[in-house]
Amino acid sequence: QVQLVESGGGLVQAGGSLRLSCAASGGTFRRYHMGWFRQAPGKERESAAAISRSGLNTYYADSVKGRFTISRDNAKNTVYLRMNSLKPDDTAVYYCAADGSTGFNGGLEEEYDYWGRGTQVTVSS
């Protein structure tokens, strides 16, 4: 059983930056592909970014490409999401998730086995 705890959310002005962190415990972190998902008010949850176990492969939703960067530190059991050039449309609860599949599934939500409780990101205009 993997436990995931997100941090780093907050209120930021449009054009600003934030770095989210997700600390994992209870499992072998390096065995999991990791993803960041987000859910805006009144909308379905969607994928933002994902990273393979080794860190060599990444996936980004079109809406965040060029602005968000996902990374991981397997020694610290932590995955990060660096968010630059934030827009009001990025306002959402951001969730970290772990996928124990053999292959890297990118942003396929149904492949993720464990989820954090989320951290709120609010971007003001």
N, C-alpha and C. Protein backbone atom coordinates (compact mmCIF):
# COMPACT_ATOMS: atom_id res chain seq x y z
N GLN A 1 0.85 -1.19 0.00
CA GLN A 1 0.00 0.00 0.00
C GLN A 1 0.88 1.24 0.00
N VAL A 2 0.65 2.10 -0.96
CA VAL A 2 1.45 3.32 -1.09
C VAL A 2 0.62 4.50 -0.60
N GLN A 3 1.22 5.32 0.22
CA GLN A 3 0.58 6.56 0.66
C GLN A 3 1.27 7.73 -0.03
N LEU A 4 0.44 8.66 -0.50
CA LEU A 4 0.95 9.82 -1.24
C LEU A 4 0.44 11.10 -0.59
N VAL A 5 1.34 12.03 -0.37
CA VAL A 5 0.96 13.30 0.26
C VAL A 5 1.50 14.44 -0.58
N GLU A 6 0.59 15.25 -1.10
CA GLU A 6 0.96 16.40 -1.92
C GLU A 6 1.18 17.63 -1.05
N SER A 7 2.02 18.53 -1.54
CA SER A 7 2.23 19.81 -0.89
C SER A 7 2.69 20.81 -1.93
N GLY A 8 2.67 22.10 -1.53
CA GLY A 8 3.19 23.13 -2.42
C GLY A 8 2.14 23.95 -3.12
N GLY A 9 0.86 23.60 -2.95
CA GLY A 9 -0.18 24.39 -3.58
C GLY A 9 -0.33 25.74 -2.91
N GLY A 10 -1.15 26.60 -3.51
CA GLY A 10 -1.38 27.91 -2.93
C GLY A 10 -2.01 28.84 -3.92
N LEU A 11 -1.98 30.12 -3.57
CA LEU A 11 -2.54 31.18 -4.40
C LEU A 11 -1.40 31.91 -5.09
N VAL A 12 -1.51 32.07 -6.40
CA VAL A 12 -0.47 32.74 -7.17
C VAL A 12 -1.13 33.58 -8.26
N GLN A 13 -0.48 34.66 -8.64
CA GLN A 13 -0.99 35.49 -9.71
C GLN A 13 -0.70 34.86 -11.07
N ALA A 14 -1.51 35.20 -12.04
CA ALA A 14 -1.28 34.73 -13.40
C ALA A 14 0.13 35.11 -13.84
N GLY A 15 0.79 34.17 -14.48
CA GLY A 15 2.16 34.37 -14.90
C GLY A 15 3.19 33.89 -13.89
N GLY A 16 2.73 33.58 -12.71
CA GLY A 16 3.62 33.13 -11.66
C GLY A 16 3.93 31.65 -11.74
N SER A 17 4.68 31.16 -10.74
CA SER A 17 5.13 29.77 -10.72
C SER A 17 4.86 29.14 -9.36
N LEU A 18 4.73 27.84 -9.39
CA LEU A 18 4.64 27.04 -8.17
C LEU A 18 5.34 25.71 -8.42
N ARG A 19 5.83 25.09 -7.36
CA ARG A 19 6.34 23.73 -7.47
C ARG A 19 5.58 22.85 -6.48
N LEU A 20 4.91 21.87 -7.02
CA LEU A 20 4.22 20.88 -6.20
C LEU A 20 5.16 19.72 -5.91
N SER A 21 5.00 19.16 -4.73
CA SER A 21 5.75 17.97 -4.34
C SER A 21 4.78 16.89 -3.91
N CYS A 22 5.17 15.66 -4.11
CA CYS A 22 4.37 14.52 -3.67
C CYS A 22 5.32 13.52 -3.03
N ALA A 23 5.17 13.32 -1.74
CA ALA A 23 6.01 12.39 -1.00
C ALA A 23 5.31 11.04 -0.88
N ALA A 24 6.02 9.99 -1.23
CA ALA A 24 5.46 8.64 -1.19
C ALA A 24 6.05 7.84 -0.03
N SER A 25 5.23 6.98 0.53
CA SER A 25 5.69 6.08 1.58
C SER A 25 4.90 4.78 1.51
N GLY A 26 5.43 3.76 2.15
CA GLY A 26 4.70 2.49 2.23
C GLY A 26 4.94 1.55 1.07
N GLY A 27 5.76 1.91 0.14
CA GLY A 27 6.02 1.04 -0.99
C GLY A 27 7.38 1.35 -1.58
N THR A 28 7.75 0.62 -2.61
CA THR A 28 9.02 0.87 -3.27
C THR A 28 8.79 1.88 -4.38
N PHE A 29 9.13 3.11 -4.10
CA PHE A 29 8.78 4.23 -4.97
C PHE A 29 9.27 4.02 -6.40
N ARG A 30 10.47 3.50 -6.54
CA ARG A 30 11.06 3.40 -7.87
C ARG A 30 10.33 2.38 -8.76
N ARG A 31 9.44 1.60 -8.17
CA ARG A 31 8.68 0.63 -8.95
C ARG A 31 7.43 1.22 -9.59
N TYR A 32 7.14 2.48 -9.26
CA TYR A 32 5.90 3.08 -9.72
C TYR A 32 6.14 4.20 -10.72
N HIS A 33 5.34 4.18 -11.78
CA HIS A 33 5.23 5.37 -12.62
C HIS A 33 4.37 6.35 -11.83
N MET A 34 4.64 7.63 -12.00
CA MET A 34 3.93 8.63 -11.21
C MET A 34 3.24 9.64 -12.12
N GLY A 35 2.10 10.13 -11.66
CA GLY A 35 1.37 11.11 -12.45
C GLY A 35 0.80 12.23 -11.60
N TRP A 36 0.59 13.34 -12.26
CA TRP A 36 -0.14 14.46 -11.66
C TRP A 36 -1.43 14.65 -12.45
N PHE A 37 -2.52 14.74 -11.72
CA PHE A 37 -3.83 14.97 -12.29
C PHE A 37 -4.40 16.23 -11.63
N ARG A 38 -5.43 16.79 -12.27
CA ARG A 38 -6.05 17.96 -11.66
C ARG A 38 -7.55 17.96 -11.92
N GLN A 39 -8.26 18.59 -11.02
CA GLN A 39 -9.71 18.70 -11.16
C GLN A 39 -10.15 20.11 -10.82
N ALA A 40 -10.66 20.78 -11.83
CA ALA A 40 -11.16 22.14 -11.65
C ALA A 40 -12.61 22.08 -11.19
N PRO A 41 -13.09 23.13 -10.56
CA PRO A 41 -14.48 23.15 -10.09
C PRO A 41 -15.46 22.88 -11.22
N GLY A 42 -16.36 21.93 -11.01
CA GLY A 42 -17.38 21.62 -11.99
C GLY A 42 -16.90 20.83 -13.19
N LYS A 43 -15.66 20.39 -13.15
CA LYS A 43 -15.11 19.64 -14.29
C LYS A 43 -14.61 18.27 -13.84
N GLU A 44 -14.43 17.37 -14.81
CA GLU A 44 -13.88 16.07 -14.51
C GLU A 44 -12.38 16.16 -14.27
N ARG A 45 -11.88 15.19 -13.54
CA ARG A 45 -10.44 15.14 -13.32
C ARG A 45 -9.74 14.82 -14.63
N GLU A 46 -8.59 15.45 -14.85
CA GLU A 46 -7.83 15.24 -16.08
C GLU A 46 -6.36 15.09 -15.76
N SER A 47 -5.68 14.45 -16.69
CA SER A 47 -4.25 14.25 -16.53
C SER A 47 -3.50 15.53 -16.85
N ALA A 48 -2.44 15.80 -16.10
CA ALA A 48 -1.57 16.94 -16.40
C ALA A 48 -0.22 16.46 -16.90
N ALA A 49 0.40 15.55 -16.16
CA ALA A 49 1.73 15.08 -16.52
C ALA A 49 1.99 13.73 -15.87
N ALA A 50 2.93 12.99 -16.43
CA ALA A 50 3.31 11.70 -15.85
C ALA A 50 4.77 11.43 -16.16
N ILE A 51 5.37 10.56 -15.33
CA ILE A 51 6.77 10.23 -15.50
C ILE A 51 6.97 8.75 -15.21
N SER A 52 7.80 8.11 -16.00
CA SER A 52 8.03 6.68 -15.84
C SER A 52 8.89 6.40 -14.62
N ARG A 53 8.98 5.12 -14.29
CA ARG A 53 9.73 4.72 -13.09
C ARG A 53 11.16 5.23 -13.09
N SER A 54 11.78 5.13 -14.26
CA SER A 54 13.18 5.54 -14.37
C SER A 54 13.35 7.04 -14.50
N GLY A 55 12.27 7.70 -14.87
CA GLY A 55 12.36 9.13 -15.13
C GLY A 55 12.72 9.47 -16.56
N LEU A 56 12.95 8.44 -17.39
CA LEU A 56 13.40 8.68 -18.76
C LEU A 56 12.26 9.07 -19.68
N ASN A 57 11.05 8.65 -19.33
CA ASN A 57 9.89 8.96 -20.18
C ASN A 57 8.92 9.86 -19.44
N THR A 58 8.39 10.84 -20.17
CA THR A 58 7.40 11.73 -19.59
C THR A 58 6.22 11.91 -20.54
N TYR A 59 5.13 12.36 -19.96
CA TYR A 59 3.92 12.66 -20.71
C TYR A 59 3.38 14.00 -20.19
N TYR A 60 2.90 14.84 -21.13
CA TYR A 60 2.26 16.10 -20.76
C TYR A 60 0.97 16.27 -21.53
N ALA A 61 -0.04 16.75 -20.86
CA ALA A 61 -1.26 17.14 -21.56
C ALA A 61 -0.94 18.36 -22.42
N ASP A 62 -1.64 18.48 -23.53
CA ASP A 62 -1.39 19.61 -24.43
C ASP A 62 -1.54 20.95 -23.71
N SER A 63 -2.45 21.00 -22.77
CA SER A 63 -2.74 22.27 -22.09
C SER A 63 -1.60 22.75 -21.21
N VAL A 64 -0.66 21.86 -20.87
CA VAL A 64 0.43 22.26 -19.97
C VAL A 64 1.80 22.15 -20.61
N LYS A 65 1.87 21.63 -21.83
CA LYS A 65 3.16 21.46 -22.49
C LYS A 65 3.89 22.78 -22.62
N GLY A 66 5.17 22.74 -22.31
CA GLY A 66 5.98 23.95 -22.39
C GLY A 66 5.92 24.82 -21.15
N ARG A 67 4.98 24.53 -20.26
CA ARG A 67 4.85 25.33 -19.03
C ARG A 67 5.11 24.50 -17.77
N PHE A 68 4.73 23.25 -17.79
CA PHE A 68 4.89 22.37 -16.62
C PHE A 68 6.03 21.39 -16.87
N THR A 69 6.74 21.04 -15.80
CA THR A 69 7.79 20.03 -15.88
C THR A 69 7.63 19.06 -14.71
N ILE A 70 7.55 17.79 -15.05
CA ILE A 70 7.47 16.76 -14.02
C ILE A 70 8.86 16.15 -13.84
N SER A 71 9.20 15.84 -12.60
CA SER A 71 10.49 15.21 -12.31
C SER A 71 10.31 14.34 -11.06
N ARG A 72 11.29 13.51 -10.83
CA ARG A 72 11.22 12.67 -9.64
C ARG A 72 12.61 12.46 -9.07
N ASP A 73 12.66 12.22 -7.77
CA ASP A 73 13.89 11.91 -7.07
C ASP A 73 13.64 10.60 -6.34
N ASN A 74 14.10 9.51 -6.93
CA ASN A 74 13.83 8.20 -6.34
C ASN A 74 14.53 8.00 -5.00
N ALA A 75 15.59 8.72 -4.76
CA ALA A 75 16.29 8.63 -3.47
C ALA A 75 15.46 9.28 -2.37
N LYS A 76 14.64 10.25 -2.74
CA LYS A 76 13.82 10.96 -1.76
C LYS A 76 12.35 10.52 -1.80
N ASN A 77 12.04 9.54 -2.67
CA ASN A 77 10.65 9.05 -2.79
C ASN A 77 9.68 10.19 -3.07
N THR A 78 10.08 11.08 -3.96
CA THR A 78 9.29 12.28 -4.21
C THR A 78 9.19 12.56 -5.70
N VAL A 79 8.01 12.99 -6.10
CA VAL A 79 7.81 13.46 -7.47
C VAL A 79 7.39 14.93 -7.39
N TYR A 80 7.83 15.69 -8.39
CA TYR A 80 7.59 17.13 -8.40
C TYR A 80 6.84 17.54 -9.66
N LEU A 81 6.16 18.68 -9.55
CA LEU A 81 5.57 19.29 -10.73
C LEU A 81 5.88 20.78 -10.66
N ARG A 82 6.76 21.19 -11.53
CA ARG A 82 7.11 22.61 -11.62
C ARG A 82 6.15 23.24 -12.61
N MET A 83 5.46 24.28 -12.18
CA MET A 83 4.44 24.93 -13.00
C MET A 83 4.83 26.39 -13.21
N ASN A 84 5.09 26.74 -14.45
CA ASN A 84 5.45 28.11 -14.81
C ASN A 84 4.35 28.73 -15.66
N SER A 85 4.41 30.05 -15.78
CA SER A 85 3.45 30.78 -16.63
C SER A 85 2.02 30.35 -16.32
N LEU A 86 1.69 30.33 -15.07
CA LEU A 86 0.38 29.84 -14.67
C LEU A 86 -0.74 30.75 -15.16
N LYS A 87 -1.86 30.11 -15.48
CA LYS A 87 -3.03 30.82 -15.98
C LYS A 87 -4.21 30.56 -15.05
N PRO A 88 -5.20 31.42 -15.06
CA PRO A 88 -6.40 31.16 -14.24
C PRO A 88 -7.02 29.79 -14.55
N ASP A 89 -6.93 29.33 -15.79
CA ASP A 89 -7.47 28.01 -16.15
C ASP A 89 -6.72 26.86 -15.48
N ASP A 90 -5.57 27.13 -14.90
CA ASP A 90 -4.84 26.08 -14.18
C ASP A 90 -5.37 25.88 -12.76
N THR A 91 -6.28 26.73 -12.34
CA THR A 91 -6.87 26.60 -11.02
C THR A 91 -7.58 25.27 -10.87
N ALA A 92 -7.17 24.50 -9.87
CA ALA A 92 -7.71 23.15 -9.69
C ALA A 92 -7.13 22.55 -8.41
N VAL A 93 -7.69 21.44 -8.01
CA VAL A 93 -7.05 20.59 -7.01
C VAL A 93 -6.13 19.64 -7.78
N TYR A 94 -4.88 19.59 -7.38
CA TYR A 94 -3.89 18.76 -8.05
C TYR A 94 -3.63 17.51 -7.22
N TYR A 95 -3.73 16.37 -7.89
CA TYR A 95 -3.55 15.08 -7.25
C TYR A 95 -2.33 14.36 -7.80
N CYS A 96 -1.63 13.71 -6.91
CA CYS A 96 -0.54 12.84 -7.26
C CYS A 96 -1.06 11.40 -7.27
N ALA A 97 -0.55 10.58 -8.20
CA ALA A 97 -1.01 9.21 -8.29
C ALA A 97 0.15 8.30 -8.69
N ALA A 98 0.03 7.02 -8.30
CA ALA A 98 1.07 6.03 -8.58
C ALA A 98 0.49 4.88 -9.39
N ASP A 99 1.23 4.47 -10.40
CA ASP A 99 0.81 3.39 -11.30
C ASP A 99 1.83 2.27 -11.22
N GLY A 100 1.39 1.10 -10.79
CA GLY A 100 2.28 -0.04 -10.64
C GLY A 100 2.36 -0.93 -11.86
N SER A 101 1.86 -0.49 -13.00
CA SER A 101 1.89 -1.30 -14.22
C SER A 101 3.32 -1.52 -14.70
N THR A 102 3.49 -2.54 -15.53
CA THR A 102 4.81 -2.81 -16.09
C THR A 102 5.20 -1.72 -17.08
N GLY A 103 4.30 -1.43 -17.99
CA GLY A 103 4.58 -0.41 -19.00
C GLY A 103 4.13 0.98 -18.55
N PHE A 104 4.68 1.97 -19.19
CA PHE A 104 4.35 3.36 -18.87
C PHE A 104 3.07 3.73 -19.63
N ASN A 105 2.03 4.11 -18.90
CA ASN A 105 0.75 4.41 -19.50
C ASN A 105 0.46 5.91 -19.62
N GLY A 106 1.44 6.72 -19.27
CA GLY A 106 1.24 8.15 -19.40
C GLY A 106 0.11 8.65 -18.53
N GLY A 107 -0.83 9.33 -19.15
CA GLY A 107 -1.91 9.96 -18.40
C GLY A 107 -3.19 9.18 -18.30
N LEU A 108 -3.15 7.86 -18.51
CA LEU A 108 -4.37 7.05 -18.43
C LEU A 108 -4.79 6.88 -16.97
N GLU A 109 -5.80 7.60 -16.57
CA GLU A 109 -6.20 7.66 -15.17
C GLU A 109 -6.55 6.29 -14.62
N GLU A 110 -7.18 5.45 -15.41
CA GLU A 110 -7.64 4.16 -14.90
C GLU A 110 -6.49 3.21 -14.56
N GLU A 111 -5.28 3.53 -14.99
CA GLU A 111 -4.12 2.68 -14.70
C GLU A 111 -3.47 3.00 -13.36
N TYR A 112 -3.89 4.08 -12.74
CA TYR A 112 -3.26 4.51 -11.50
C TYR A 112 -3.95 3.86 -10.31
N ASP A 113 -3.12 3.31 -9.43
CA ASP A 113 -3.62 2.50 -8.33
C ASP A 113 -3.79 3.26 -7.02
N TYR A 114 -2.92 4.21 -6.79
CA TYR A 114 -2.91 4.93 -5.52
C TYR A 114 -2.97 6.43 -5.78
N TRP A 115 -3.70 7.11 -4.88
CA TRP A 115 -3.94 8.54 -5.06
C TRP A 115 -3.72 9.29 -3.75
N GLY A 116 -3.20 10.50 -3.90
CA GLY A 116 -3.13 11.39 -2.76
C GLY A 116 -4.44 12.13 -2.57
N ARG A 117 -4.50 12.98 -1.58
CA ARG A 117 -5.73 13.71 -1.27
C ARG A 117 -5.81 15.03 -2.01
N GLY A 118 -4.73 15.46 -2.59
CA GLY A 118 -4.76 16.67 -3.40
C GLY A 118 -4.28 17.91 -2.69
N THR A 119 -3.86 18.88 -3.50
CA THR A 119 -3.47 20.18 -3.00
C THR A 119 -4.07 21.24 -3.91
N GLN A 120 -4.60 22.30 -3.34
CA GLN A 120 -5.31 23.33 -4.10
C GLN A 120 -4.31 24.30 -4.72
N VAL A 121 -4.51 24.56 -6.00
CA VAL A 121 -3.77 25.61 -6.71
C VAL A 121 -4.79 26.61 -7.23
N THR A 122 -4.61 27.86 -6.87
CA THR A 122 -5.51 28.92 -7.32
C THR A 122 -4.69 29.99 -8.00
N VAL A 123 -5.05 30.29 -9.24
CA VAL A 123 -4.33 31.29 -10.02
C VAL A 123 -5.28 32.47 -10.24
N SER A 124 -4.89 33.62 -9.74
CA SER A 124 -5.72 34.81 -9.88
C SER A 124 -5.32 35.60 -11.13
N SER A 125 -6.30 36.26 -11.71
CA SER A 125 -6.03 37.03 -12.94
C SER A 125 -5.65 38.47 -12.62
